[in-house]
N, C-alpha and C. Protein backbone atom coordinates (compact mmCIF):
# COMPACT_ATOMS: atom_id res chain seq x y z
N UNK A 1 95.01 2.11 16.36
CA UNK A 1 93.78 2.03 17.11
C UNK A 1 93.62 0.61 17.64
N UNK A 2 93.23 0.50 18.89
CA UNK A 2 92.96 -0.79 19.52
C UNK A 2 91.48 -0.88 19.80
N UNK A 3 90.85 -1.95 19.36
CA UNK A 3 89.42 -2.14 19.57
C UNK A 3 89.21 -3.24 20.60
N UNK A 4 88.26 -3.04 21.46
CA UNK A 4 87.91 -4.07 22.45
C UNK A 4 86.41 -4.27 22.41
N UNK A 5 85.94 -5.17 23.22
CA UNK A 5 84.50 -5.39 23.31
C UNK A 5 84.09 -6.65 22.62
N UNK A 6 83.01 -6.56 21.85
CA UNK A 6 82.42 -7.73 21.22
C UNK A 6 83.07 -8.09 19.89
N UNK A 7 84.16 -7.46 19.55
CA UNK A 7 84.81 -7.73 18.27
C UNK A 7 85.36 -9.17 18.26
N UNK A 8 84.95 -9.95 17.30
CA UNK A 8 85.42 -11.33 17.18
C UNK A 8 86.35 -11.44 15.97
N UNK A 9 87.46 -12.15 16.17
CA UNK A 9 88.40 -12.36 15.06
C UNK A 9 87.83 -13.44 14.15
N UNK A 10 88.05 -13.26 12.86
CA UNK A 10 87.59 -14.23 11.87
C UNK A 10 88.79 -14.78 11.13
N UNK A 11 88.76 -16.06 10.88
CA UNK A 11 89.79 -16.70 10.06
C UNK A 11 89.41 -16.40 8.61
N UNK A 12 90.26 -15.63 7.92
CA UNK A 12 89.92 -15.23 6.56
C UNK A 12 90.69 -16.00 5.50
N UNK A 13 91.74 -16.73 5.88
CA UNK A 13 92.46 -17.53 4.90
C UNK A 13 93.27 -18.60 5.62
N UNK A 14 93.34 -19.77 5.01
CA UNK A 14 94.20 -20.85 5.49
C UNK A 14 94.94 -21.39 4.29
N UNK A 15 96.27 -21.41 4.38
CA UNK A 15 97.10 -21.94 3.30
C UNK A 15 97.89 -23.13 3.83
N UNK A 16 97.73 -24.26 3.16
CA UNK A 16 98.52 -25.43 3.49
C UNK A 16 99.86 -25.25 2.77
N UNK A 17 100.92 -24.98 3.50
CA UNK A 17 102.22 -24.66 2.91
C UNK A 17 102.98 -25.91 2.47
N UNK A 18 102.92 -26.95 3.26
CA UNK A 18 103.64 -28.17 2.93
C UNK A 18 102.92 -29.35 3.58
N UNK A 19 102.79 -30.43 2.84
CA UNK A 19 102.23 -31.68 3.35
C UNK A 19 103.35 -32.71 3.36
N UNK A 20 103.46 -33.41 4.48
CA UNK A 20 104.50 -34.43 4.63
C UNK A 20 103.87 -35.80 4.42
N UNK A 21 104.46 -36.60 3.52
CA UNK A 21 103.92 -37.91 3.19
C UNK A 21 104.61 -39.04 3.95
N UNK A 22 105.61 -38.71 4.77
CA UNK A 22 106.34 -39.76 5.47
C UNK A 22 105.56 -40.26 6.69
N UNK A 23 106.14 -41.18 7.41
CA UNK A 23 105.47 -41.82 8.54
C UNK A 23 105.59 -41.02 9.85
N UNK A 24 106.25 -39.89 9.85
CA UNK A 24 106.42 -39.11 11.07
C UNK A 24 105.13 -38.48 11.54
N UNK A 25 105.14 -37.92 12.74
CA UNK A 25 103.91 -37.32 13.29
C UNK A 25 103.52 -36.00 12.64
N UNK A 26 104.47 -35.24 12.09
CA UNK A 26 104.11 -33.96 11.47
C UNK A 26 103.55 -34.22 10.08
N UNK A 27 102.33 -33.74 9.85
CA UNK A 27 101.63 -34.00 8.60
C UNK A 27 101.59 -32.79 7.67
N UNK A 28 101.65 -31.56 8.23
CA UNK A 28 101.58 -30.37 7.37
C UNK A 28 102.07 -29.15 8.14
N UNK A 29 102.45 -28.12 7.35
CA UNK A 29 102.76 -26.80 7.88
C UNK A 29 101.77 -25.83 7.24
N UNK A 30 101.17 -24.99 8.06
CA UNK A 30 100.03 -24.18 7.64
C UNK A 30 100.24 -22.72 8.03
N UNK A 31 99.71 -21.81 7.22
CA UNK A 31 99.63 -20.39 7.56
C UNK A 31 98.16 -20.00 7.64
N UNK A 32 97.83 -19.17 8.62
CA UNK A 32 96.46 -18.72 8.84
C UNK A 32 96.45 -17.20 8.85
N UNK A 33 95.46 -16.61 8.18
CA UNK A 33 95.27 -15.16 8.22
C UNK A 33 94.01 -14.86 9.01
N UNK A 34 94.11 -13.88 9.91
CA UNK A 34 92.98 -13.46 10.74
C UNK A 34 92.55 -12.06 10.32
N UNK A 35 91.26 -11.90 10.06
CA UNK A 35 90.67 -10.60 9.71
C UNK A 35 91.39 -9.91 8.55
N UNK A 36 91.98 -10.66 7.65
CA UNK A 36 92.77 -10.09 6.55
C UNK A 36 93.81 -9.10 7.05
N UNK A 37 94.24 -9.25 8.31
CA UNK A 37 95.14 -8.29 8.94
C UNK A 37 96.39 -8.91 9.56
N UNK A 38 96.29 -10.14 10.04
CA UNK A 38 97.38 -10.76 10.79
C UNK A 38 97.62 -12.17 10.27
N UNK A 39 98.88 -12.48 9.93
CA UNK A 39 99.23 -13.82 9.44
C UNK A 39 100.00 -14.57 10.52
N UNK A 40 99.62 -15.81 10.73
CA UNK A 40 100.35 -16.71 11.62
C UNK A 40 100.94 -17.82 10.76
N UNK A 41 102.25 -17.95 10.78
CA UNK A 41 102.94 -18.95 9.98
C UNK A 41 103.45 -20.09 10.87
N UNK A 42 103.74 -21.19 10.23
CA UNK A 42 104.37 -22.35 10.88
C UNK A 42 103.50 -23.03 11.92
N UNK A 43 102.19 -23.02 11.71
CA UNK A 43 101.30 -23.86 12.51
C UNK A 43 101.45 -25.27 11.96
N UNK A 44 101.62 -26.24 12.83
CA UNK A 44 101.87 -27.61 12.39
C UNK A 44 100.65 -28.49 12.64
N UNK A 45 100.36 -29.35 11.67
CA UNK A 45 99.35 -30.39 11.85
C UNK A 45 100.09 -31.64 12.27
N UNK A 46 99.68 -32.21 13.40
CA UNK A 46 100.35 -33.37 13.99
C UNK A 46 99.36 -34.51 14.11
N UNK A 47 99.85 -35.75 13.88
CA UNK A 47 99.05 -36.94 14.16
C UNK A 47 99.83 -37.76 15.19
N UNK A 48 99.28 -37.85 16.39
CA UNK A 48 99.92 -38.62 17.46
C UNK A 48 98.84 -39.15 18.39
N UNK A 49 99.12 -40.27 19.00
CA UNK A 49 98.17 -40.90 19.93
C UNK A 49 96.79 -41.06 19.29
N UNK A 50 96.81 -41.42 18.01
CA UNK A 50 95.61 -41.73 17.24
C UNK A 50 94.65 -40.55 17.08
N UNK A 51 95.20 -39.31 17.07
CA UNK A 51 94.35 -38.15 16.80
C UNK A 51 95.16 -37.06 16.12
N UNK A 52 94.45 -36.20 15.39
CA UNK A 52 95.05 -35.05 14.73
C UNK A 52 94.83 -33.81 15.60
N UNK A 53 95.82 -32.93 15.62
CA UNK A 53 95.70 -31.66 16.33
C UNK A 53 96.71 -30.69 15.75
N UNK A 54 96.59 -29.41 16.13
CA UNK A 54 97.55 -28.42 15.65
C UNK A 54 98.49 -28.02 16.78
N UNK A 55 99.68 -27.59 16.37
CA UNK A 55 100.68 -27.06 17.30
C UNK A 55 101.03 -25.67 16.80
N UNK A 56 100.96 -24.71 17.69
CA UNK A 56 101.22 -23.32 17.33
C UNK A 56 102.72 -23.11 17.12
N UNK A 57 103.09 -22.03 16.40
CA UNK A 57 104.51 -21.73 16.18
C UNK A 57 105.21 -21.54 17.52
N UNK A 58 106.45 -22.05 17.62
CA UNK A 58 107.16 -21.97 18.89
C UNK A 58 108.64 -21.73 18.66
N UNK A 59 109.32 -21.38 19.74
CA UNK A 59 110.78 -21.23 19.68
C UNK A 59 111.37 -22.04 20.81
N UNK A 60 112.60 -22.48 20.59
CA UNK A 60 113.28 -23.31 21.58
C UNK A 60 113.96 -22.42 22.62
N UNK A 61 113.72 -22.72 23.89
CA UNK A 61 114.36 -22.02 25.00
C UNK A 61 115.76 -22.57 25.25
N UNK A 62 116.62 -21.83 25.94
CA UNK A 62 117.97 -22.32 26.24
C UNK A 62 117.98 -23.66 26.99
N UNK A 63 116.93 -23.94 27.76
CA UNK A 63 116.90 -25.20 28.52
C UNK A 63 116.37 -26.38 27.70
N UNK A 64 116.10 -26.15 26.40
CA UNK A 64 115.65 -27.23 25.53
C UNK A 64 114.15 -27.37 25.43
N UNK A 65 113.39 -26.65 26.25
CA UNK A 65 111.93 -26.68 26.15
C UNK A 65 111.49 -25.72 25.05
N UNK A 66 110.23 -25.81 24.68
CA UNK A 66 109.67 -24.94 23.65
C UNK A 66 108.60 -24.05 24.24
N UNK A 67 108.47 -22.84 23.68
CA UNK A 67 107.45 -21.89 24.11
C UNK A 67 106.73 -21.36 22.88
N UNK A 68 105.39 -21.35 22.93
CA UNK A 68 104.62 -20.83 21.81
C UNK A 68 104.95 -19.36 21.57
N UNK A 69 105.10 -19.00 20.31
CA UNK A 69 105.32 -17.60 19.92
C UNK A 69 103.98 -16.88 19.87
N UNK A 70 102.96 -17.58 19.41
CA UNK A 70 101.59 -17.05 19.34
C UNK A 70 100.65 -18.20 19.66
N UNK A 71 99.55 -17.89 20.34
CA UNK A 71 98.60 -18.94 20.68
C UNK A 71 97.25 -18.34 21.00
N UNK A 72 96.17 -19.13 20.86
CA UNK A 72 94.85 -18.65 21.25
C UNK A 72 94.80 -18.40 22.76
N UNK A 73 94.06 -17.40 23.16
CA UNK A 73 93.94 -17.05 24.57
C UNK A 73 92.87 -17.88 25.27
N UNK A 74 91.85 -18.31 24.54
CA UNK A 74 90.79 -19.08 25.20
C UNK A 74 90.52 -20.38 24.44
N UNK A 75 89.89 -21.30 25.15
CA UNK A 75 89.65 -22.62 24.57
C UNK A 75 88.66 -22.59 23.42
N UNK A 76 87.73 -21.62 23.43
CA UNK A 76 86.75 -21.54 22.35
C UNK A 76 87.44 -21.22 21.01
N UNK A 77 88.32 -20.22 21.02
CA UNK A 77 88.99 -19.89 19.77
C UNK A 77 90.01 -20.97 19.39
N UNK A 78 90.64 -21.60 20.37
CA UNK A 78 91.56 -22.71 20.07
C UNK A 78 90.81 -23.80 19.32
N UNK A 79 89.60 -24.12 19.75
CA UNK A 79 88.81 -25.15 19.08
C UNK A 79 88.42 -24.72 17.67
N UNK A 80 88.01 -23.46 17.51
CA UNK A 80 87.65 -22.93 16.19
C UNK A 80 88.86 -23.01 15.25
N UNK A 81 90.02 -22.58 15.73
CA UNK A 81 91.24 -22.60 14.92
C UNK A 81 91.64 -24.03 14.57
N UNK A 82 91.63 -24.91 15.56
CA UNK A 82 91.97 -26.31 15.35
C UNK A 82 91.05 -26.94 14.28
N UNK A 83 89.75 -26.74 14.43
CA UNK A 83 88.79 -27.33 13.49
C UNK A 83 88.96 -26.77 12.08
N UNK A 84 89.21 -25.45 11.98
CA UNK A 84 89.38 -24.83 10.66
C UNK A 84 90.64 -25.32 9.97
N UNK A 85 91.74 -25.38 10.70
CA UNK A 85 93.01 -25.84 10.11
C UNK A 85 92.92 -27.30 9.71
N UNK A 86 92.39 -28.13 10.59
CA UNK A 86 92.26 -29.56 10.25
C UNK A 86 91.31 -29.76 9.08
N UNK A 87 90.24 -28.99 9.02
CA UNK A 87 89.33 -29.08 7.87
C UNK A 87 90.04 -28.74 6.57
N UNK A 88 90.85 -27.68 6.58
CA UNK A 88 91.60 -27.31 5.38
C UNK A 88 92.64 -28.38 5.03
N UNK A 89 93.27 -28.95 6.04
CA UNK A 89 94.26 -30.01 5.80
C UNK A 89 93.60 -31.23 5.16
N UNK A 90 92.49 -31.69 5.72
CA UNK A 90 91.82 -32.87 5.15
C UNK A 90 91.30 -32.60 3.74
N UNK A 91 90.85 -31.39 3.48
CA UNK A 91 90.41 -31.02 2.13
C UNK A 91 91.61 -31.06 1.17
N UNK A 92 92.75 -30.56 1.63
CA UNK A 92 93.96 -30.55 0.79
C UNK A 92 94.43 -31.96 0.45
N UNK A 93 94.43 -32.85 1.42
CA UNK A 93 94.92 -34.20 1.11
C UNK A 93 93.91 -34.99 0.28
N UNK A 94 92.64 -34.60 0.36
CA UNK A 94 91.60 -35.23 -0.46
C UNK A 94 91.69 -34.74 -1.89
N UNK A 95 91.96 -33.45 -2.08
CA UNK A 95 92.02 -32.83 -3.41
C UNK A 95 93.29 -31.97 -3.48
N UNK A 96 94.44 -32.59 -3.61
CA UNK A 96 95.68 -31.79 -3.59
C UNK A 96 95.76 -30.79 -4.75
N UNK A 97 96.32 -29.63 -4.42
CA UNK A 97 96.57 -28.60 -5.43
C UNK A 97 98.04 -28.66 -5.81
N UNK A 98 98.51 -27.64 -6.47
CA UNK A 98 99.93 -27.59 -6.84
C UNK A 98 100.80 -27.65 -5.59
N UNK A 99 102.01 -28.20 -5.68
CA UNK A 99 102.89 -28.28 -4.51
C UNK A 99 103.11 -26.90 -3.91
N UNK A 100 103.05 -26.86 -2.58
CA UNK A 100 103.23 -25.59 -1.86
C UNK A 100 104.65 -25.49 -1.34
N UNK A 101 105.08 -24.28 -1.15
CA UNK A 101 106.41 -24.00 -0.59
C UNK A 101 106.25 -23.51 0.84
N UNK A 102 107.19 -23.88 1.68
CA UNK A 102 107.19 -23.39 3.06
C UNK A 102 107.87 -22.05 3.11
């Protein structure tokens, strides 16, 4: 069944899979669950140009460029997802739990 209309997706879980402590731009790898129905893996937390942001999972094209495998369709949900993932990341580095596996 496909539903359309006013149905809004909800972020129901965020798991910080791995945190990187080195000096590189990649700071974490994250998985997000939407509506307890769909999991997105390999979302990356990046720190570059003096700001944090997320990068969606991607694959490398034959010409060496990258293309997102999954991504938000509109800027509103992109902002919601970005803020939720970064919030979970900052909470994790403030209060680390057991080491996570990718």
